[in-house]
Amino acid sequence: MNRDETVEHMKKQLDDWNARIDEWEKQMHDAQANMKSRYEEQLNTLRRQREEGTSKLKEIQESSEAAWVDMSRGFEEAWKHLAEGFDKAWSEFRGKEDESK
């Protein structure tokens, strides 16, 4: 994947994460009081991961093409790890949501 494709992929992923976080925030506000703290904890994790993703996106956008070639292999692995962490936190949220029903 070249730099432009990677940036586009990251933007789409961040848009997806933003939509999920918005959904979670709405559901959190509707949750019972005892569930709110559990939602908030997971939501904070998702927010931190989103911010890390945003930071990585800016880093790539500001890099030169030559620098991108050098950093692309390590970056792709780091982004994969970040996406897996987000999905794991999202899955835990979905599990907690099912428990509250």
C-alpha atoms as a PDB file:
ATOM      1  CA  MET A   1       0.000   0.000   0.000  1.00  0.00           C
ATOM      2  CA  ASN A   2       1.436   3.405  -0.891  1.00  0.00           C
ATOM      3  CA  ARG A   3       1.239   6.453   1.379  1.00  0.00           C
ATOM      4  CA  ASP A   4      -1.892   7.936  -0.211  1.00  0.00           C
ATOM      5  CA  GLU A   5      -3.728   4.612  -0.015  1.00  0.00           C
ATOM      6  CA  THR A   6      -2.637   4.209   3.599  1.00  0.00           C
ATOM      7  CA  VAL A   7      -3.843   7.705   4.501  1.00  0.00           C
ATOM      8  CA  GLU A   8      -7.211   7.025   2.840  1.00  0.00           C
ATOM      9  CA  HIS A   9      -7.506   3.682   4.650  1.00  0.00           C
ATOM     10  CA  MET A  10      -6.693   5.344   7.976  1.00  0.00           C
ATOM     11  CA  LYS A  11      -9.239   8.119   7.401  1.00  0.00           C
ATOM     12  CA  LYS A  12     -11.960   5.542   6.708  1.00  0.00           C
ATOM     13  CA  GLN A  13     -10.980   3.571   9.819  1.00  0.00           C
ATOM     14  CA  LEU A  14     -11.048   6.710  11.977  1.00  0.00           C
ATOM     15  CA  ASP A  15     -14.466   7.638  10.552  1.00  0.00           C
ATOM     16  CA  ASP A  16     -15.706   4.171  11.505  1.00  0.00           C
ATOM     17  CA  TRP A  17     -14.259   4.505  15.007  1.00  0.00           C
ATOM     18  CA  ASN A  18     -15.851   7.929  15.417  1.00  0.00           C
ATOM     19  CA  ALA A  19     -19.228   6.501  14.417  1.00  0.00           C
ATOM     20  CA  ARG A  20     -18.855   3.631  16.886  1.00  0.00           C
ATOM     21  CA  ILE A  21     -17.827   5.994  19.682  1.00  0.00           C
ATOM     22  CA  ASP A  22     -20.808   8.243  18.940  1.00  0.00           C
ATOM     23  CA  GLU A  23     -23.101   5.208  19.081  1.00  0.00           C
ATOM     24  CA  TRP A  24     -21.541   4.087  22.342  1.00  0.00           C
ATOM     25  CA  GLU A  25     -21.886   7.543  23.897  1.00  0.00           C
ATOM     26  CA  LYS A  26     -25.594   7.575  23.058  1.00  0.00           C
ATOM     27  CA  GLN A  27     -26.071   4.120  24.546  1.00  0.00           C
ATOM     28  CA  MET A  28     -24.054   5.031  27.622  1.00  0.00           C
ATOM     29  CA  HIS A  29     -26.344   7.946  28.342  1.00  0.00           C
ATOM     30  CA  ASP A  30     -29.302   5.585  28.241  1.00  0.00           C
ATOM     31  CA  ALA A  31     -27.667   2.951  30.439  1.00  0.00           C
ATOM     32  CA  GLN A  32     -28.587   2.331  34.030  1.00  0.00           C
ATOM     33  CA  ALA A  33     -26.431   4.111  36.610  1.00  0.00           C
ATOM     34  CA  ASN A  34     -24.476   0.970  37.550  1.00  0.00           C
ATOM     35  CA  MET A  35     -23.536   0.329  33.932  1.00  0.00           C
ATOM     36  CA  LYS A  36     -22.418   3.870  33.173  1.00  0.00           C
ATOM     37  CA  SER A  37     -19.047   3.523  34.869  1.00  0.00           C
ATOM     38  CA  ARG A  38     -18.318   0.332  32.920  1.00  0.00           C
ATOM     39  CA  TYR A  39     -19.288   2.028  29.661  1.00  0.00           C
ATOM     40  CA  GLU A  40     -17.190   5.073  30.505  1.00  0.00           C
ATOM     41  CA  GLU A  41     -14.105   2.936  31.160  1.00  0.00           C
ATOM     42  CA  GLN A  42     -14.369   1.215  27.771  1.00  0.00           C
ATOM     43  CA  LEU A  43     -15.246   4.484  26.062  1.00  0.00           C
ATOM     44  CA  ASN A  44     -12.093   6.090  27.451  1.00  0.00           C
ATOM     45  CA  THR A  45     -10.052   3.199  26.045  1.00  0.00           C
ATOM     46  CA  LEU A  46     -11.624   3.693  22.619  1.00  0.00           C
ATOM     47  CA  ARG A  47     -11.015   7.434  22.758  1.00  0.00           C
ATOM     48  CA  ARG A  48      -7.329   6.933  23.613  1.00  0.00           C
ATOM     49  CA  GLN A  49      -6.934   4.525  20.719  1.00  0.00           C
ATOM     50  CA  ARG A  50      -8.711   6.909  18.363  1.00  0.00           C
ATOM     51  CA  GLU A  51      -6.393   9.738  19.436  1.00  0.00           C
ATOM     52  CA  GLU A  52      -3.367   7.521  18.861  1.00  0.00           C
ATOM     53  CA  GLY A  53      -4.717   6.718  15.393  1.00  0.00           C
ATOM     54  CA  THR A  54      -5.248  10.400  14.646  1.00  0.00           C
ATOM     55  CA  SER A  55      -1.689  11.129  15.732  1.00  0.00           C
ATOM     56  CA  LYS A  56      -0.331   8.371  13.479  1.00  0.00           C
ATOM     57  CA  LEU A  57      -2.361   9.716  10.553  1.00  0.00           C
ATOM     58  CA  LYS A  58      -0.883  13.202  11.029  1.00  0.00           C
ATOM     59  CA  GLU A  59       2.602  11.709  11.247  1.00  0.00           C
ATOM     60  CA  ILE A  60       2.155   9.972   7.897  1.00  0.00           C
ATOM     61  CA  GLN A  61       0.552  12.963   6.215  1.00  0.00           C
ATOM     62  CA  GLU A  62       3.464  15.154   7.272  1.00  0.00           C
ATOM     63  CA  SER A  63       6.152  12.678   6.232  1.00  0.00           C
ATOM     64  CA  SER A  64       8.006  12.890   2.961  1.00  0.00           C
ATOM     65  CA  GLU A  65       7.612  10.116   0.407  1.00  0.00           C
ATOM     66  CA  ALA A  66      11.150   8.921   1.177  1.00  0.00           C
ATOM     67  CA  ALA A  67      10.437   8.848   4.909  1.00  0.00           C
ATOM     68  CA  TRP A  68       7.195   6.977   4.234  1.00  0.00           C
ATOM     69  CA  VAL A  69       9.069   4.186   2.474  1.00  0.00           C
ATOM     70  CA  ASP A  70      11.349   3.795   5.509  1.00  0.00           C
ATOM     71  CA  MET A  71       8.565   3.844   8.067  1.00  0.00           C
ATOM     72  CA  SER A  72       5.801   1.999   6.181  1.00  0.00           C
ATOM     73  CA  ARG A  73       6.576  -1.531   7.365  1.00  0.00           C
ATOM     74  CA  GLY A  74       6.663  -0.627  11.033  1.00  0.00           C
ATOM     75  CA  PHE A  75       3.709   1.664  10.712  1.00  0.00           C
ATOM     76  CA  GLU A  76       1.460  -0.928   9.096  1.00  0.00           C
ATOM     77  CA  GLU A  77       2.145  -3.309  11.989  1.00  0.00           C
ATOM     78  CA  ALA A  78       1.485  -0.572  14.563  1.00  0.00           C
ATOM     79  CA  TRP A  79      -1.779   0.398  12.844  1.00  0.00           C
ATOM     80  CA  LYS A  80      -2.883  -3.247  12.738  1.00  0.00           C
ATOM     81  CA  HIS A  81      -2.220  -3.517  16.487  1.00  0.00           C
ATOM     82  CA  LEU A  82      -4.162  -0.311  17.133  1.00  0.00           C
ATOM     83  CA  ALA A  83      -7.129  -1.528  15.047  1.00  0.00           C
ATOM     84  CA  GLU A  84      -7.122  -4.885  16.868  1.00  0.00           C
ATOM     85  CA  GLY A  85      -7.153  -3.077  20.223  1.00  0.00           C
ATOM     86  CA  PHE A  86     -10.080  -0.933  19.131  1.00  0.00           C
ATOM     87  CA  ASP A  87     -11.997  -3.986  17.916  1.00  0.00           C
ATOM     88  CA  LYS A  88     -11.272  -5.812  21.183  1.00  0.00           C
ATOM     89  CA  ALA A  89     -12.554  -2.887  23.248  1.00  0.00           C
ATOM     90  CA  TRP A  90     -15.599  -2.660  20.988  1.00  0.00           C
ATOM     91  CA  SER A  91     -16.287  -6.392  21.438  1.00  0.00           C
ATOM     92  CA  GLU A  92     -16.049  -6.027  25.205  1.00  0.00           C
ATOM     93  CA  PHE A  93     -18.523  -3.166  25.032  1.00  0.00           C
ATOM     94  CA  ARG A  94     -20.923  -5.248  22.955  1.00  0.00           C
ATOM     95  CA  GLY A  95     -20.637  -8.053  25.509  1.00  0.00           C
ATOM     96  CA  LYS A  96     -21.407  -5.671  28.383  1.00  0.00           C
ATOM     97  CA  GLU A  97     -24.302  -4.263  26.414  1.00  0.00           C
ATOM     98  CA  ASP A  98     -25.757  -7.777  26.034  1.00  0.00           C
ATOM     99  CA  GLU A  99     -25.329  -8.403  29.783  1.00  0.00           C
ATOM    100  CA  SER A 100     -27.333  -5.283  30.621  1.00  0.00           C
ATOM    101  CA  LYS A 101     -30.377  -6.460  28.654  1.00  0.00           C
END
